[in-house]
Amino acid sequence: MSNALASGLLADSAPVDQDEADVIVVGAGPGGSATAAFCAQRGLDVLLLEKATFPRDKVCGDGLTPRAVRMLTRLGIDTSESAGFLHNKGLRVYGGRTEPFELPWPELADFPNYGTTCPRLRLDDMLAGRAMQLGVHLLTGANVVEPLLVGDRITGVRTADGRTFRAPVVVAADGNSTRLGVAMGRRRDEKRPMGVAVRAYFESPRHDDPWMESWLELWDGERGHSTQLPGYAWVFPMGDGRCNVGLGMLNSSPAFGRTDYRRLMRTWLASTPPQWCFDEEHMVDRIRGAALPMALNRKPAYAGGLLLVGDAGGMVNPFNGEGIDYSLEAAEMAADAICEAHSRGIGTAAAERALMGYETSVQKGFGGYYRLGMIFSRLIGNPKIMHLCTTYGLPRPVLMRFVNKLLANLTDARGGDAFDHIINTLTRIAPSA
């Protein structure tokens, strides 16, 4: 098993000697560890299989909005500043003019009024450790290569070294490529939006800035005297001497798939103020990239004993590229369905209806909102439309408060203001993605 890490939660854990459980979760990223933790909270015996060993890093922006913070709290993780989390006030947006716009997180009943940042190196360790605290059996170095089947139903998995593990319900939380999901016939819908992102860490004096930053327009020099570049960018202060700086692009952009993203990022970074230290000299490690599967691009979320959670089910928000918060929310939905199925008697028709309820919950929770996001992603893929939005939309405070709530998906389900009612109504009446 792994050595002690920064959070201490994975330290001194006993080796796993178990090949059967109530549920197997494949992949110990945020979605997988959270699913395992929520299942254990509900009294199930859970086996969590991870192909890597901890500590291990993943390409991510590391930004956690109030939506993600709420889910960490529901898992029992302390996100206070005294626990080492840098809180941020909201989003600072660059676009349409030289000076940025600052959009505070909304004051709501359903969500906290702060976001935070956390490197995946720490977050994944913390979530896996929390799952183990709740009784989950974590096995690292377990590279799942194929499902075990009885007919067309999964009854377990086999790892690359020939070991087999069995459970009546299996969760695939094994990322965008989801070998397990593909083996069970879940194909990616090519019509759904897909993004690509690259990021690097930089030692920077801006590491403790209280705002997360979004750049909606990229230029290769001083604005007005340079060429606009495709894509969008972010700067997330980490509070540890570093900033996570990255660049993304949607497949609705004409430049998607025909761009050297790392070179593009360097071109944009060269235009940032030198005192920010976003240069080769202050870069930590290297620029790394990853795909962003969006808008439920792999379906069904449940069939034949297998549930898809997180990137395996394409659960990234097409409005803003967030994935962690929706992975955590889907994890709780999955745990509810699995627990209900066990209570009804696994193998019965009633239990199968409970598992089908996961598909319904995902569609209800994300489907309408993601449908709106698909429209949005097609629009902003056009640089001319993005320029119009930033030039004429950003300067209008009332409009931007609405857009901030919409893009971050932060509204109160009950009560709330007029913006909450409009957004909630739109997501309810929109056909599911």
Protein backbone atom coordinates (compact mmCIF):
# COMPACT_ATOMS: atom_id res chain seq x y z
CA MET A 1 0.00 0.00 0.00
CA SER A 2 1.00 3.64 -0.29
CA ASN A 3 3.15 5.65 2.05
CA ALA A 4 1.82 8.41 4.28
CA LEU A 5 0.86 11.50 2.30
CA ALA A 6 0.16 15.14 3.06
CA SER A 7 -3.36 14.50 4.33
CA GLY A 8 -2.31 11.54 6.45
CA LEU A 9 -5.49 9.65 5.62
CA LEU A 10 -3.79 6.90 3.59
CA ALA A 11 -1.10 6.24 6.18
CA ASP A 12 -0.76 2.94 8.03
CA SER A 13 -3.48 1.19 6.03
CA ALA A 14 -3.64 -2.59 6.09
CA PRO A 15 -3.15 -4.58 2.86
CA VAL A 16 -6.35 -5.68 1.14
CA ASP A 17 -6.95 -9.42 1.01
CA GLN A 18 -10.46 -9.55 -0.41
CA ASP A 19 -11.87 -10.56 -3.78
CA GLU A 20 -15.63 -10.15 -3.17
CA ALA A 21 -17.76 -7.23 -2.04
CA ASP A 22 -21.24 -5.71 -2.25
CA VAL A 23 -19.93 -3.27 -4.83
CA ILE A 24 -16.68 -2.81 -6.76
CA VAL A 25 -15.58 0.70 -7.77
CA VAL A 26 -12.93 0.92 -10.48
CA GLY A 27 -10.84 4.09 -10.29
CA ALA A 28 -9.87 6.09 -7.19
CA GLY A 29 -10.17 9.58 -8.62
CA PRO A 30 -12.67 11.99 -7.04
CA GLY A 31 -15.74 10.27 -8.51
CA GLY A 32 -14.61 6.75 -7.66
CA SER A 33 -13.41 7.47 -4.14
CA ALA A 34 -16.54 9.49 -3.41
CA THR A 35 -18.80 6.71 -4.71
CA ALA A 36 -16.97 4.21 -2.53
CA ALA A 37 -17.21 6.54 0.48
CA PHE A 38 -20.92 7.22 0.05
CA CYS A 39 -21.61 3.48 -0.37
CA ALA A 40 -19.65 2.71 2.79
CA GLN A 41 -21.57 5.43 4.65
CA ARG A 42 -24.71 3.49 3.73
CA GLY A 43 -23.36 0.26 5.19
CA LEU A 44 -22.15 -1.52 2.06
CA ASP A 45 -18.96 -3.56 1.76
CA VAL A 46 -16.90 -1.77 -0.90
CA LEU A 47 -13.79 -2.72 -2.84
CA LEU A 48 -12.04 0.23 -4.53
CA LEU A 49 -9.55 -0.71 -7.27
CA GLU A 50 -6.96 1.76 -8.54
CA LYS A 51 -4.37 0.97 -11.22
CA ALA A 52 -1.82 3.52 -9.96
CA THR A 53 -0.24 3.90 -6.55
CA PHE A 54 -0.54 6.96 -4.35
CA PRO A 55 0.65 9.67 -4.47
CA ARG A 56 -0.25 10.25 -8.09
CA ASP A 57 -1.11 13.40 -10.02
CA LYS A 58 -3.75 14.13 -12.65
CA VAL A 59 -4.07 16.96 -15.17
CA CYS A 60 -6.67 19.34 -13.78
CA GLY A 61 -7.28 23.01 -13.18
CA ASP A 62 -7.50 22.26 -9.43
CA GLY A 63 -10.24 24.88 -9.00
CA LEU A 64 -13.15 23.94 -6.75
CA THR A 65 -16.23 26.15 -6.97
CA PRO A 66 -18.80 26.37 -4.14
CA ARG A 67 -20.62 23.46 -5.80
CA ALA A 68 -17.61 21.17 -5.31
CA VAL A 69 -16.93 22.52 -1.80
CA ARG A 70 -20.47 21.58 -0.77
CA MET A 71 -19.87 17.97 -1.82
CA LEU A 72 -16.58 17.76 0.07
CA THR A 73 -18.48 18.91 3.16
CA ARG A 74 -21.08 16.18 2.59
CA LEU A 75 -18.24 13.67 2.58
CA GLY A 76 -17.02 14.96 5.93
CA ILE A 77 -13.92 16.76 4.65
CA ASP A 78 -12.94 20.00 6.39
CA THR A 79 -12.39 22.72 3.79
CA SER A 80 -11.75 25.53 6.25
CA GLU A 81 -8.73 27.80 5.97
CA SER A 82 -7.46 26.36 9.25
CA ALA A 83 -7.37 22.98 7.49
CA GLY A 84 -5.04 24.41 4.86
CA PHE A 85 -7.47 25.47 2.13
CA LEU A 86 -7.08 28.84 0.42
CA HIS A 87 -10.56 30.33 0.06
CA ASN A 88 -11.43 32.47 -2.92
CA LYS A 89 -14.11 35.12 -3.30
CA GLY A 90 -15.23 34.37 -6.83
CA LEU A 91 -14.19 34.76 -10.43
CA ARG A 92 -12.11 37.53 -11.95
CA VAL A 93 -12.87 37.65 -15.68
CA TYR A 94 -10.67 39.14 -18.39
CA GLY A 95 -12.27 40.04 -21.70
CA GLY A 96 -13.61 42.99 -23.62
CA ARG A 97 -11.29 45.54 -22.00
CA THR A 98 -7.90 45.82 -20.31
CA GLU A 99 -9.20 45.82 -16.73
CA PRO A 100 -10.90 42.64 -15.47
CA PHE A 101 -14.37 42.20 -14.00
CA GLU A 102 -14.77 40.68 -10.51
CA LEU A 103 -17.78 38.42 -9.97
CA PRO A 104 -18.20 37.27 -6.34
CA TRP A 105 -19.72 33.87 -5.66
CA PRO A 106 -23.44 34.37 -4.98
CA GLU A 107 -24.82 34.35 -1.44
CA LEU A 108 -27.09 31.29 -1.36
CA ALA A 109 -28.75 28.92 1.07
CA ASP A 110 -27.81 25.78 -0.90
CA PHE A 111 -24.10 26.50 -1.41
CA PRO A 112 -21.24 28.07 0.55
CA ASN A 113 -20.06 31.53 -0.49
CA TYR A 114 -16.46 30.50 -1.15
CA GLY A 115 -14.50 28.31 -3.50
CA THR A 116 -11.03 26.89 -3.05
CA THR A 117 -8.19 25.22 -4.89
CA CYS A 118 -6.58 21.88 -4.20
CA PRO A 119 -3.98 20.04 -6.30
CA ARG A 120 -5.15 16.62 -7.45
CA LEU A 121 -2.06 15.16 -5.81
CA ARG A 122 -3.61 16.14 -2.46
CA LEU A 123 -7.32 15.94 -3.31
CA ASP A 124 -7.27 12.37 -4.61
CA ASP A 125 -5.24 11.23 -1.61
CA MET A 126 -7.69 12.98 0.71
CA LEU A 127 -10.78 11.44 -0.89
CA ALA A 128 -9.31 7.93 -1.05
CA GLY A 129 -8.23 8.28 2.56
CA ARG A 130 -11.69 9.43 3.59
CA ALA A 131 -13.19 6.39 1.85
CA MET A 132 -10.85 4.14 3.82
CA GLN A 133 -11.80 5.87 7.06
CA LEU A 134 -15.39 4.87 6.30
CA GLY A 135 -14.40 1.22 5.79
CA VAL A 136 -13.68 0.99 2.06
CA HIS A 137 -11.04 -1.58 1.03
CA LEU A 138 -8.59 0.18 -1.32
CA LEU A 139 -6.35 -1.89 -3.56
CA THR A 140 -3.75 0.02 -5.58
CA GLY A 141 -1.76 -1.37 -8.49
CA ALA A 142 -4.95 -3.09 -9.67
CA ASN A 143 -5.20 -2.42 -13.41
CA VAL A 144 -8.66 -3.58 -14.46
CA VAL A 145 -8.60 -4.83 -18.05
CA GLU A 146 -11.94 -6.56 -18.58
CA PRO A 147 -15.33 -7.32 -17.05
CA LEU A 148 -16.45 -10.73 -15.81
CA LEU A 149 -19.80 -11.48 -17.39
CA VAL A 150 -22.76 -13.75 -16.91
CA GLY A 151 -24.67 -13.24 -20.11
CA ASP A 152 -24.61 -9.50 -20.73
CA ARG A 153 -24.40 -8.61 -17.03
CA ILE A 154 -21.19 -7.70 -15.25
CA THR A 155 -20.44 -9.74 -12.14
CA GLY A 156 -16.88 -8.63 -11.46
CA VAL A 157 -13.61 -7.62 -13.09
CA ARG A 158 -10.23 -9.06 -14.01
CA THR A 159 -6.93 -7.21 -13.59
CA ALA A 160 -3.87 -7.26 -15.83
CA ASP A 161 -2.09 -9.67 -13.51
CA GLY A 162 -4.94 -12.19 -13.73
CA ARG A 163 -6.69 -11.55 -10.42
CA THR A 164 -10.48 -11.59 -10.36
CA PHE A 165 -12.81 -9.62 -8.12
CA ARG A 166 -16.55 -10.16 -7.89
CA ALA A 167 -19.56 -8.08 -6.89
CA PRO A 168 -23.19 -7.90 -8.05
CA VAL A 169 -22.77 -4.18 -8.86
CA VAL A 170 -19.75 -2.48 -10.43
CA VAL A 171 -18.99 1.23 -10.85
CA ALA A 172 -16.76 2.44 -13.69
CA ALA A 173 -15.01 5.62 -12.54
CA ASP A 174 -11.95 4.95 -14.68
CA GLY A 175 -11.80 8.22 -16.59
CA ASN A 176 -12.42 9.48 -20.09
CA SER A 177 -11.10 6.37 -21.86
CA THR A 178 -13.06 4.06 -19.48
CA ARG A 179 -11.77 0.70 -20.63
CA LEU A 180 -14.45 -0.97 -18.52
CA GLY A 181 -17.28 1.11 -19.97
CA VAL A 182 -16.12 0.50 -23.54
CA ALA A 183 -15.86 -3.25 -22.87
CA MET A 184 -19.51 -3.12 -21.75
CA GLY A 185 -20.57 -1.45 -25.00
CA ARG A 186 -20.76 2.19 -23.87
CA ARG A 187 -19.66 4.22 -26.86
CA ARG A 188 -18.89 7.94 -26.90
CA ASP A 189 -21.44 10.18 -28.61
CA GLU A 190 -19.36 12.14 -31.12
CA LYS A 191 -22.04 14.84 -31.33
CA ARG A 192 -21.49 15.90 -27.72
CA PRO A 193 -19.00 18.68 -26.97
CA MET A 194 -15.44 17.68 -26.13
CA GLY A 195 -12.73 19.89 -24.77
CA VAL A 196 -8.99 19.69 -24.42
CA ALA A 197 -6.99 21.44 -21.72
CA VAL A 198 -3.30 21.96 -20.98
CA ARG A 199 -1.88 23.26 -17.74
CA ALA A 200 1.31 23.87 -15.80
CA TYR A 201 2.30 25.11 -12.36
CA PHE A 202 4.30 28.31 -11.94
CA GLU A 203 6.02 29.70 -8.89
CA SER A 204 4.38 33.10 -8.69
CA PRO A 205 3.82 35.99 -6.25
CA ARG A 206 0.14 35.70 -7.20
CA HIS A 207 -0.18 32.31 -5.47
CA ASP A 208 -2.41 33.66 -2.67
CA ASP A 209 -4.68 35.91 -4.75
CA PRO A 210 -8.28 35.62 -3.41
CA TRP A 211 -9.83 35.27 -6.89
CA MET A 212 -9.85 32.51 -9.48
CA GLU A 213 -9.30 33.99 -12.92
CA SER A 214 -10.82 33.26 -16.32
CA TRP A 215 -9.54 34.70 -19.60
CA LEU A 216 -12.27 34.70 -22.24
CA GLU A 217 -10.08 36.28 -24.90
CA LEU A 218 -6.45 35.40 -25.56
CA TRP A 219 -4.01 37.70 -27.34
CA ASP A 220 -0.41 37.22 -28.41
CA GLY A 221 0.53 40.69 -27.21
CA GLU A 222 -1.01 43.89 -25.89
CA ARG A 223 -4.74 43.95 -26.65
CA GLY A 224 -5.56 46.12 -29.65
CA HIS A 225 -2.07 45.70 -31.11
CA SER A 226 -2.00 41.93 -31.51
CA THR A 227 -3.77 38.88 -32.86
CA GLN A 228 -6.58 37.12 -31.02
CA LEU A 229 -5.81 33.48 -30.27
CA PRO A 230 -8.33 30.63 -30.08
CA GLY A 231 -9.42 29.17 -26.75
CA TYR A 232 -9.82 30.39 -23.18
CA ALA A 233 -7.50 30.33 -20.19
CA TRP A 234 -7.41 30.33 -16.41
CA VAL A 235 -5.17 31.24 -13.49
CA PHE A 236 -5.94 29.49 -10.19
CA PRO A 237 -3.86 30.55 -7.16
CA MET A 238 -2.89 27.50 -5.10
CA GLY A 239 -1.78 29.22 -1.88
CA ASP A 240 1.43 27.19 -1.73
CA GLY A 241 3.71 29.44 -3.76
CA ARG A 242 2.28 28.24 -7.09
CA CYS A 243 -0.44 29.10 -9.58
CA ASN A 244 -2.17 26.55 -11.79
CA VAL A 245 -2.22 28.19 -15.22
CA GLY A 246 -3.96 26.55 -18.13
CA LEU A 247 -5.60 26.89 -21.50
CA GLY A 248 -8.57 25.08 -22.99
CA MET A 249 -10.46 24.76 -26.24
CA LEU A 250 -13.78 23.22 -27.27
CA ASN A 251 -14.31 21.07 -30.35
CA SER A 252 -16.76 23.72 -31.56
CA SER A 253 -13.74 25.92 -32.29
CA PRO A 254 -12.43 25.79 -35.89
CA ALA A 255 -8.92 25.45 -34.42
CA PHE A 256 -9.75 22.33 -32.39
CA GLY A 257 -7.56 19.37 -33.33
CA ARG A 258 -5.36 21.51 -35.57
CA THR A 259 -3.53 23.37 -32.83
CA ASP A 260 -0.33 22.76 -30.90
CA TYR A 261 -1.91 23.56 -27.54
CA ARG A 262 1.35 23.72 -25.62
CA ARG A 263 2.80 26.15 -28.13
CA LEU A 264 -0.41 28.18 -28.04
CA MET A 265 -0.20 28.37 -24.25
CA ARG A 266 3.41 29.59 -24.39
CA THR A 267 2.41 32.25 -26.94
CA TRP A 268 -0.31 33.56 -24.65
CA LEU A 269 1.85 33.37 -21.52
CA ALA A 270 4.49 35.51 -23.21
CA SER A 271 1.93 38.34 -23.27
CA THR A 272 1.25 38.24 -19.50
CA PRO A 273 2.98 40.73 -17.18
CA PRO A 274 6.55 39.58 -16.38
CA GLN A 275 6.06 40.17 -12.64
CA TRP A 276 3.55 37.30 -12.64
CA CYS A 277 6.43 34.91 -13.43
CA PHE A 278 4.46 32.79 -15.91
CA ASP A 279 7.63 31.88 -17.79
CA GLU A 280 9.93 28.91 -18.37
CA GLU A 281 12.21 29.90 -15.50
CA HIS A 282 9.40 29.65 -12.96
CA MET A 283 7.52 26.70 -14.48
CA VAL A 284 7.25 23.69 -12.19
CA ASP A 285 7.46 20.38 -14.06
CA ARG A 286 6.03 20.76 -17.60
CA ILE A 287 2.89 21.58 -19.56
CA ARG A 288 0.54 18.59 -19.50
CA GLY A 289 -2.76 17.99 -21.29
CA ALA A 290 -6.01 16.05 -20.96
CA ALA A 291 -9.39 15.61 -22.66
CA LEU A 292 -12.61 16.98 -21.17
CA PRO A 293 -15.60 14.73 -21.98
CA MET A 294 -18.77 16.81 -21.71
CA ALA A 295 -22.54 16.73 -21.56
CA LEU A 296 -23.10 13.04 -20.71
CA ASN A 297 -21.32 11.88 -23.84
CA ARG A 298 -21.29 8.20 -22.88
CA LYS A 299 -24.59 6.42 -22.20
CA PRO A 300 -26.41 4.79 -20.62
CA ALA A 301 -25.23 5.77 -17.16
CA TYR A 302 -26.57 2.41 -15.96
CA ALA A 303 -27.12 -0.94 -17.65
CA GLY A 304 -26.26 -4.56 -16.99
CA GLY A 305 -24.95 -4.06 -13.46
CA LEU A 306 -22.50 -1.27 -14.43
CA LEU A 307 -22.82 2.39 -13.41
CA LEU A 308 -20.70 5.16 -15.00
CA VAL A 309 -19.49 7.99 -12.76
CA GLY A 310 -17.51 11.12 -13.62
CA ASP A 311 -15.43 11.34 -16.80
CA ALA A 312 -16.34 7.74 -17.64
CA GLY A 313 -19.86 9.04 -18.24
CA GLY A 314 -18.78 12.34 -19.80
CA MET A 315 -20.03 14.44 -16.89
CA VAL A 316 -17.94 17.58 -17.43
CA ASN A 317 -19.98 20.80 -17.47
CA PRO A 318 -20.00 22.22 -21.06
CA PHE A 319 -20.49 25.74 -19.70
CA ASN A 320 -17.18 25.96 -17.85
CA GLY A 321 -15.19 22.72 -18.05
CA GLU A 322 -15.78 21.72 -14.42
CA GLY A 323 -15.84 18.00 -13.77
CA ILE A 324 -15.00 17.30 -10.13
CA ASP A 325 -18.19 18.70 -8.63
CA TYR A 326 -20.42 16.68 -10.97
CA SER A 327 -18.36 13.54 -10.35
CA LEU A 328 -18.96 13.99 -6.62
CA GLU A 329 -22.67 14.60 -7.09
CA ALA A 330 -23.05 11.59 -9.38
CA ALA A 331 -21.17 9.54 -6.78
CA GLU A 332 -23.86 10.25 -4.20
CA MET A 333 -26.62 9.47 -6.72
CA ALA A 334 -24.91 6.16 -7.53
CA ALA A 335 -24.54 5.25 -3.86
CA ASP A 336 -28.22 5.95 -3.23
CA ALA A 337 -29.25 3.68 -6.11
CA ILE A 338 -26.86 0.88 -5.13
CA CYS A 339 -27.91 0.97 -1.48
CA GLU A 340 -31.58 0.89 -2.42
CA ALA A 341 -30.96 -2.05 -4.76
CA HIS A 342 -29.26 -4.02 -1.98
CA SER A 343 -32.11 -3.30 0.40
CA ARG A 344 -34.59 -4.69 -2.15
CA GLY A 345 -32.54 -7.84 -2.76
CA ILE A 346 -29.90 -7.86 -5.48
CA GLY A 347 -31.04 -9.91 -8.45
CA THR A 348 -34.71 -9.05 -8.10
CA ALA A 349 -36.73 -6.93 -10.50
CA ALA A 350 -37.25 -4.38 -7.72
CA ALA A 351 -33.50 -4.05 -7.22
CA GLU A 352 -32.97 -3.56 -10.95
CA ARG A 353 -35.52 -0.75 -10.94
CA ALA A 354 -33.57 0.91 -8.12
CA LEU A 355 -30.36 0.74 -10.16
CA MET A 356 -32.19 2.18 -13.16
CA GLY A 357 -33.04 5.06 -10.87
CA TYR A 358 -29.43 6.20 -11.13
CA GLU A 359 -29.91 6.92 -14.83
CA THR A 360 -33.04 8.90 -13.96
CA SER A 361 -31.23 10.89 -11.25
CA VAL A 362 -28.36 11.79 -13.58
CA GLN A 363 -30.73 12.95 -16.29
CA LYS A 364 -32.79 14.97 -13.82
CA GLY A 365 -29.77 16.46 -12.09
CA PHE A 366 -27.63 17.31 -15.12
CA GLY A 367 -29.55 16.70 -18.34
CA GLY A 368 -31.44 19.95 -18.88
CA TYR A 369 -28.58 22.13 -17.70
CA TYR A 370 -26.12 20.30 -19.94
CA ARG A 371 -28.45 20.72 -22.90
CA LEU A 372 -28.26 24.48 -22.41
CA GLY A 373 -24.48 24.12 -22.07
CA MET A 374 -24.27 22.37 -25.42
CA ILE A 375 -25.89 25.37 -27.09
CA PHE A 376 -23.54 27.71 -25.23
CA SER A 377 -20.45 25.68 -26.21
CA ARG A 378 -21.37 25.88 -29.90
CA LEU A 379 -21.75 29.65 -29.67
CA ILE A 380 -18.51 30.46 -27.86
CA GLY A 381 -16.52 28.24 -30.19
CA ASN A 382 -16.83 31.13 -32.65
CA PRO A 383 -14.26 33.84 -31.70
CA LYS A 384 -16.46 36.57 -33.22
CA ILE A 385 -19.40 35.64 -30.99
CA MET A 386 -17.10 35.44 -27.96
CA HIS A 387 -15.75 38.90 -28.79
CA LEU A 388 -19.29 40.31 -29.00
CA CYS A 389 -20.18 38.74 -25.65
CA THR A 390 -17.13 40.06 -23.86
CA THR A 391 -17.34 43.53 -25.44
CA TYR A 392 -21.06 44.17 -24.92
CA GLY A 393 -22.07 41.69 -22.21
CA LEU A 394 -19.34 41.84 -19.56
CA PRO A 395 -19.70 45.57 -18.84
CA ARG A 396 -23.34 45.11 -17.76
CA PRO A 397 -23.27 44.15 -14.05
CA VAL A 398 -26.83 42.83 -13.85
CA LEU A 399 -26.35 40.62 -16.90
CA MET A 400 -23.04 39.32 -15.59
CA ARG A 401 -24.52 38.38 -12.21
CA PHE A 402 -27.00 36.25 -14.12
CA VAL A 403 -24.31 34.74 -16.36
CA ASN A 404 -22.10 34.03 -13.32
CA LYS A 405 -24.89 32.02 -11.70
CA LEU A 406 -25.67 30.21 -14.95
CA LEU A 407 -22.11 29.26 -15.85
CA ALA A 408 -21.22 28.12 -12.33
CA ASN A 409 -24.63 26.42 -11.88
CA LEU A 410 -25.14 28.13 -8.52
CA THR A 411 -28.78 28.75 -7.64
CA ASP A 412 -31.09 28.02 -4.74
CA ALA A 413 -33.56 25.24 -5.51
CA ARG A 414 -36.25 26.92 -3.41
CA GLY A 415 -36.78 30.60 -2.85
CA GLY A 416 -33.89 32.52 -4.32
CA ASP A 417 -34.01 35.56 -6.56
CA ALA A 418 -35.40 36.11 -10.05
CA PHE A 419 -32.21 34.82 -11.66
CA ASP A 420 -32.52 31.56 -9.72
CA HIS A 421 -36.09 31.10 -10.91
CA ILE A 422 -35.18 31.80 -14.54
CA ILE A 423 -32.20 29.41 -14.54
CA ASN A 424 -34.09 26.69 -12.67
CA THR A 425 -37.00 26.97 -15.09
CA LEU A 426 -34.76 26.85 -18.15
CA THR A 427 -32.95 23.73 -16.94
CA ARG A 428 -36.26 22.06 -16.03
CA ILE A 429 -37.95 22.63 -19.40
CA ALA A 430 -34.87 21.99 -21.57
CA PRO A 431 -34.81 18.48 -23.09
CA SER A 432 -32.25 16.30 -21.35
CA ALA A 433 -28.81 16.02 -22.90
